[in-house]
C-alpha atoms as a PDB file:
ATOM      1  CA  MET A   1     -16.342   2.675 -26.892  1.00  0.00           C
ATOM      2  CA  HIS A   2     -18.315   0.601 -24.416  1.00  0.00           C
ATOM      3  CA  ARG A   3     -15.671  -2.169 -24.561  1.00  0.00           C
ATOM      4  CA  LEU A   4     -12.911   0.344 -23.865  1.00  0.00           C
ATOM      5  CA  LEU A   5     -14.797   1.647 -20.845  1.00  0.00           C
ATOM      6  CA  VAL A   6     -15.309  -1.903 -19.540  1.00  0.00           C
ATOM      7  CA  LEU A   7     -11.611  -2.722 -20.105  1.00  0.00           C
ATOM      8  CA  LEU A   8     -10.460   0.415 -18.286  1.00  0.00           C
ATOM      9  CA  SER A   9     -12.856  -0.342 -15.425  1.00  0.00           C
ATOM     10  CA  CYS A  10     -11.483  -3.875 -15.118  1.00  0.00           C
ATOM     11  CA  LEU A  11      -7.900  -2.610 -15.120  1.00  0.00           C
ATOM     12  CA  THR A  12      -8.711  -0.031 -12.477  1.00  0.00           C
ATOM     13  CA  ILE A  13     -10.385  -2.634 -10.273  1.00  0.00           C
ATOM     14  CA  GLY A  14      -7.468  -5.008 -10.804  1.00  0.00           C
ATOM     15  CA  VAL A  15      -4.792  -2.416  -9.995  1.00  0.00           C
ATOM     16  CA  ALA A  16      -6.541  -0.689  -7.075  1.00  0.00           C
ATOM     17  CA  PRO A  17      -5.944  -3.494  -4.546  1.00  0.00           C
ATOM     18  CA  GLY A  18      -2.253  -3.449  -5.409  1.00  0.00           C
ATOM     19  CA  CYS A  19      -2.141   0.293  -4.792  1.00  0.00           C
ATOM     20  CA  ALA A  20      -3.916  -0.194  -1.475  1.00  0.00           C
ATOM     21  CA  LEU A  21      -1.374  -2.829  -0.472  1.00  0.00           C
ATOM     22  CA  GLN A  22       1.468  -0.465  -1.365  1.00  0.00           C
ATOM     23  CA  ARG A  23      -0.043   2.305   0.785  1.00  0.00           C
ATOM     24  CA  SER A  24      -0.558  -0.207   3.599  1.00  0.00           C
ATOM     25  CA  ALA A  25       3.053  -1.413   3.368  1.00  0.00           C
ATOM     26  CA  SER A  26       4.322   2.178   3.395  1.00  0.00           C
ATOM     27  CA  LYS A  27       2.166   2.943   6.417  1.00  0.00           C
ATOM     28  CA  SER A  28       3.420  -0.200   8.183  1.00  0.00           C
ATOM     29  CA  ALA A  29       7.062   0.693   7.496  1.00  0.00           C
ATOM     30  CA  ALA A  30       6.502   4.213   8.802  1.00  0.00           C
ATOM     31  CA  GLU A  31       4.762   2.870  11.911  1.00  0.00           C
ATOM     32  CA  LYS A  32       7.654   0.445  12.479  1.00  0.00           C
ATOM     33  CA  ARG A  33      10.228   3.256  12.230  1.00  0.00           C
ATOM     34  CA  THR A  34       8.221   5.411  14.650  1.00  0.00           C
ATOM     35  CA  ARG A  35       7.802   2.523  17.117  1.00  0.00           C
ATOM     36  CA  GLU A  36      11.517   1.642  16.966  1.00  0.00           C
ATOM     37  CA  LYS A  37      12.468   5.275  17.524  1.00  0.00           C
ATOM     38  CA  GLU A  38      10.180   5.481  20.572  1.00  0.00           C
ATOM     39  CA  THR A  39      11.328   2.173  22.058  1.00  0.00           C
ATOM     40  CA  ARG A  40      15.021   2.905  21.480  1.00  0.00           C
ATOM     41  CA  ALA A  41      14.626   6.263  23.240  1.00  0.00           C
ATOM     42  CA  ALA A  42      12.835   4.628  26.183  1.00  0.00           C
ATOM     43  CA  ALA A  43      15.470   1.868  26.396  1.00  0.00           C
ATOM     44  CA  ALA A  44      18.353   4.365  26.183  1.00  0.00           C
ATOM     45  CA  HIS A  45      16.825   6.487  28.944  1.00  0.00           C
ATOM     46  CA  TRP A  46      16.322   3.451  31.201  1.00  0.00           C
ATOM     47  CA  LEU A  47      19.830   2.136  30.490  1.00  0.00           C
ATOM     48  CA  ALA A  48      21.328   5.535  31.324  1.00  0.00           C
ATOM     49  CA  LEU A  49      19.687   5.258  34.753  1.00  0.00           C
ATOM     50  CA  ILE A  50      21.081   1.748  35.223  1.00  0.00           C
ATOM     51  CA  ASP A  51      24.536   2.890  34.027  1.00  0.00           C
ATOM     52  CA  THR A  52      24.616   5.537  36.776  1.00  0.00           C
ATOM     53  CA  ALA A  53      23.136   3.138  39.375  1.00  0.00           C
ATOM     54  CA  ASP A  54      20.013   5.292  39.711  1.00  0.00           C
ATOM     55  CA  TYR A  55      17.962   2.192  40.425  1.00  0.00           C
ATOM     56  CA  GLN A  56      15.206   4.110  42.176  1.00  0.00           C
ATOM     57  CA  ALA A  57      14.408   6.100  39.025  1.00  0.00           C
ATOM     58  CA  ALA A  58      14.684   2.972  36.829  1.00  0.00           C
ATOM     59  CA  TYR A  59      12.305   1.097  39.151  1.00  0.00           C
ATOM     60  CA  ALA A  60       9.819   3.975  38.970  1.00  0.00           C
ATOM     61  CA  LEU A  61       9.700   3.540  35.179  1.00  0.00           C
ATOM     62  CA  GLU A  62       8.681  -0.126  35.368  1.00  0.00           C
ATOM     63  CA  PRO A  63       5.039  -1.024  34.701  1.00  0.00           C
ATOM     64  CA  ASP A  64       2.715  -1.045  37.719  1.00  0.00           C
ATOM     65  CA  ARG A  65       2.202  -4.817  37.398  1.00  0.00           C
ATOM     66  CA  LEU A  66       5.950  -5.446  37.842  1.00  0.00           C
ATOM     67  CA  ARG A  67       6.310  -2.989  40.723  1.00  0.00           C
ATOM     68  CA  ALA A  68       3.416  -4.770  42.428  1.00  0.00           C
ATOM     69  CA  ALA A  69       5.425  -8.027  42.246  1.00  0.00           C
ATOM     70  CA  THR A  70       8.805  -6.685  43.480  1.00  0.00           C
ATOM     71  CA  THR A  71       9.969  -4.135  46.007  1.00  0.00           C
ATOM     72  CA  GLN A  72      12.458  -1.362  45.367  1.00  0.00           C
ATOM     73  CA  ALA A  73      15.042  -3.265  47.451  1.00  0.00           C
ATOM     74  CA  GLN A  74      14.544  -6.449  45.378  1.00  0.00           C
ATOM     75  CA  PHE A  75      14.936  -4.474  42.166  1.00  0.00           C
ATOM     76  CA  ASN A  76      18.117  -2.824  43.468  1.00  0.00           C
ATOM     77  CA  ARG A  77      19.653  -6.191  44.400  1.00  0.00           C
ATOM     78  CA  SER A  78      18.704  -7.634  41.023  1.00  0.00           C
ATOM     79  CA  MET A  79      20.278  -4.759  39.078  1.00  0.00           C
ATOM     80  CA  GLU A  80      23.408  -4.722  41.251  1.00  0.00           C
ATOM     81  CA  GLY A  81      23.798  -8.455  40.695  1.00  0.00           C
ATOM     82  CA  ARG A  82      23.389  -8.118  36.954  1.00  0.00           C
ATOM     83  CA  ARG A  83      25.566  -5.064  36.359  1.00  0.00           C
ATOM     84  CA  ALA A  84      28.203  -4.767  39.100  1.00  0.00           C
ATOM     85  CA  PRO A  85      30.332  -7.696  37.821  1.00  0.00           C
ATOM     86  CA  PHE A  86      30.741  -5.996  34.427  1.00  0.00           C
ATOM     87  CA  GLY A  87      31.904  -2.624  35.726  1.00  0.00           C
ATOM     88  CA  LYS A  88      31.413   0.708  34.032  1.00  0.00           C
ATOM     89  CA  MET A  89      29.715   0.814  30.633  1.00  0.00           C
ATOM     90  CA  LEU A  90      32.234   2.010  28.021  1.00  0.00           C
ATOM     91  CA  SER A  91      30.230   1.900  24.781  1.00  0.00           C
ATOM     92  CA  ARG A  92      26.860   0.758  23.484  1.00  0.00           C
ATOM     93  CA  ALA A  93      25.666   0.301  19.894  1.00  0.00           C
ATOM     94  CA  PHE A  94      22.196  -0.606  18.633  1.00  0.00           C
ATOM     95  CA  ILE A  95      22.070  -3.969  16.852  1.00  0.00           C
ATOM     96  CA  GLY A  96      18.383  -4.446  16.102  1.00  0.00           C
ATOM     97  CA  ALA A  97      14.800  -4.610  17.295  1.00  0.00           C
ATOM     98  CA  ALA A  98      11.915  -7.037  16.954  1.00  0.00           C
ATOM     99  CA  PHE A  99       8.221  -6.532  17.657  1.00  0.00           C
ATOM    100  CA  THR A 100       5.885  -9.212  19.015  1.00  0.00           C
ATOM    101  CA  ARG A 101       2.448  -9.426  20.582  1.00  0.00           C
ATOM    102  CA  LYS A 102       3.299 -12.467  22.705  1.00  0.00           C
ATOM    103  CA  LEU A 103       5.889 -12.814  25.448  1.00  0.00           C
ATOM    104  CA  THR A 104       6.306 -15.953  27.533  1.00  0.00           C
ATOM    105  CA  GLY A 105       4.967 -15.435  31.049  1.00  0.00           C
ATOM    106  CA  SER A 106       3.304 -12.116  30.186  1.00  0.00           C
ATOM    107  CA  PRO A 107      -0.138 -11.139  28.925  1.00  0.00           C
ATOM    108  CA  ASP A 108      -0.547 -10.613  25.191  1.00  0.00           C
ATOM    109  CA  GLY A 109       0.280  -7.050  24.272  1.00  0.00           C
ATOM    110  CA  HIS A 110       2.758  -4.950  22.318  1.00  0.00           C
ATOM    111  CA  TYR A 111       6.399  -5.806  23.015  1.00  0.00           C
ATOM    112  CA  GLU A 112       9.635  -4.637  21.476  1.00  0.00           C
ATOM    113  CA  SER A 113      12.887  -6.520  22.049  1.00  0.00           C
ATOM    114  CA  ILE A 114      15.977  -4.366  21.519  1.00  0.00           C
ATOM    115  CA  LEU A 115      19.515  -5.688  21.306  1.00  0.00           C
ATOM    116  CA  PHE A 116      22.672  -3.642  21.927  1.00  0.00           C
ATOM    117  CA  ARG A 117      26.361  -4.518  21.579  1.00  0.00           C
ATOM    118  CA  THR A 118      27.967  -3.177  24.735  1.00  0.00           C
ATOM    119  CA  SER A 119      31.475  -2.900  26.093  1.00  0.00           C
ATOM    120  CA  PHE A 120      32.045  -2.830  29.840  1.00  0.00           C
ATOM    121  CA  ALA A 121      35.197  -2.299  31.900  1.00  0.00           C
ATOM    122  CA  HIS A 122      35.278  -6.009  32.858  1.00  0.00           C
ATOM    123  CA  LYS A 123      33.694  -7.480  29.709  1.00  0.00           C
ATOM    124  CA  SER A 124      34.835  -6.007  26.444  1.00  0.00           C
ATOM    125  CA  ILE A 125      32.196  -7.669  24.274  1.00  0.00           C
ATOM    126  CA  ALA A 126      28.687  -8.162  25.643  1.00  0.00           C
ATOM    127  CA  ALA A 127      25.106  -7.985  24.477  1.00  0.00           C
ATOM    128  CA  GLU A 128      22.246  -6.317  26.313  1.00  0.00           C
ATOM    129  CA  ARG A 129      18.651  -7.206  25.576  1.00  0.00           C
ATOM    130  CA  ILE A 130      15.879  -4.918  26.740  1.00  0.00           C
ATOM    131  CA  ILE A 131      12.233  -5.872  26.312  1.00  0.00           C
ATOM    132  CA  LEU A 132       9.709  -3.068  26.492  1.00  0.00           C
ATOM    133  CA  SER A 133       5.948  -3.241  26.774  1.00  0.00           C
ATOM    134  CA  LEU A 134       3.512  -0.631  25.516  1.00  0.00           C
ATOM    135  CA  GLU A 135       1.587   0.321  28.618  1.00  0.00           C
ATOM    136  CA  SER A 136      -1.274   2.809  28.737  1.00  0.00           C
ATOM    137  CA  ASP A 137       1.023   5.828  28.879  1.00  0.00           C
ATOM    138  CA  ALA A 138       4.412   4.826  27.443  1.00  0.00           C
ATOM    139  CA  TRP A 139       6.889   2.098  26.509  1.00  0.00           C
ATOM    140  CA  ARG A 140       8.216   0.552  29.726  1.00  0.00           C
ATOM    141  CA  VAL A 141      11.026  -1.924  30.367  1.00  0.00           C
ATOM    142  CA  VAL A 142       9.774  -5.367  31.422  1.00  0.00           C
ATOM    143  CA  ASP A 143      12.979  -7.381  31.057  1.00  0.00           C
ATOM    144  CA  TYR A 144      16.719  -6.747  30.954  1.00  0.00           C
ATOM    145  CA  ARG A 145      19.539  -9.215  30.304  1.00  0.00           C
ATOM    146  CA  VAL A 146      23.300  -8.973  29.810  1.00  0.00           C
ATOM    147  CA  TYR A 147      25.022 -11.759  27.880  1.00  0.00           C
END
């Protein structure tokens, strides 16, 4: 009887870490889905502002550290230069997202890079990459590129 109790104890100890890893993996997957949902919503909102040329509202959503480095007029010129050549946005589809804690030229933090396949009036096949940073209050766009 004592041997059986020892054997069951050993099995329980041996299996418990595996169960903990499974719970941890499930929690990580759930956290990833939640983070992607939040960042996609923030990116879609910001892109909708850019699509309608509401650069003032898009600029207001940037992190304080970026607004301290550029003026509203500089931001407007930058967005007009990036988007005007492509014309009106016709369609946009999510391709994927990637999380990182490091971003070249930025402090370590929480960053999500989101990629969209986009069609514009003057460029039928393009890609848009939006990088968001988790700031104290929300996910905020820190970089935008059209390829």
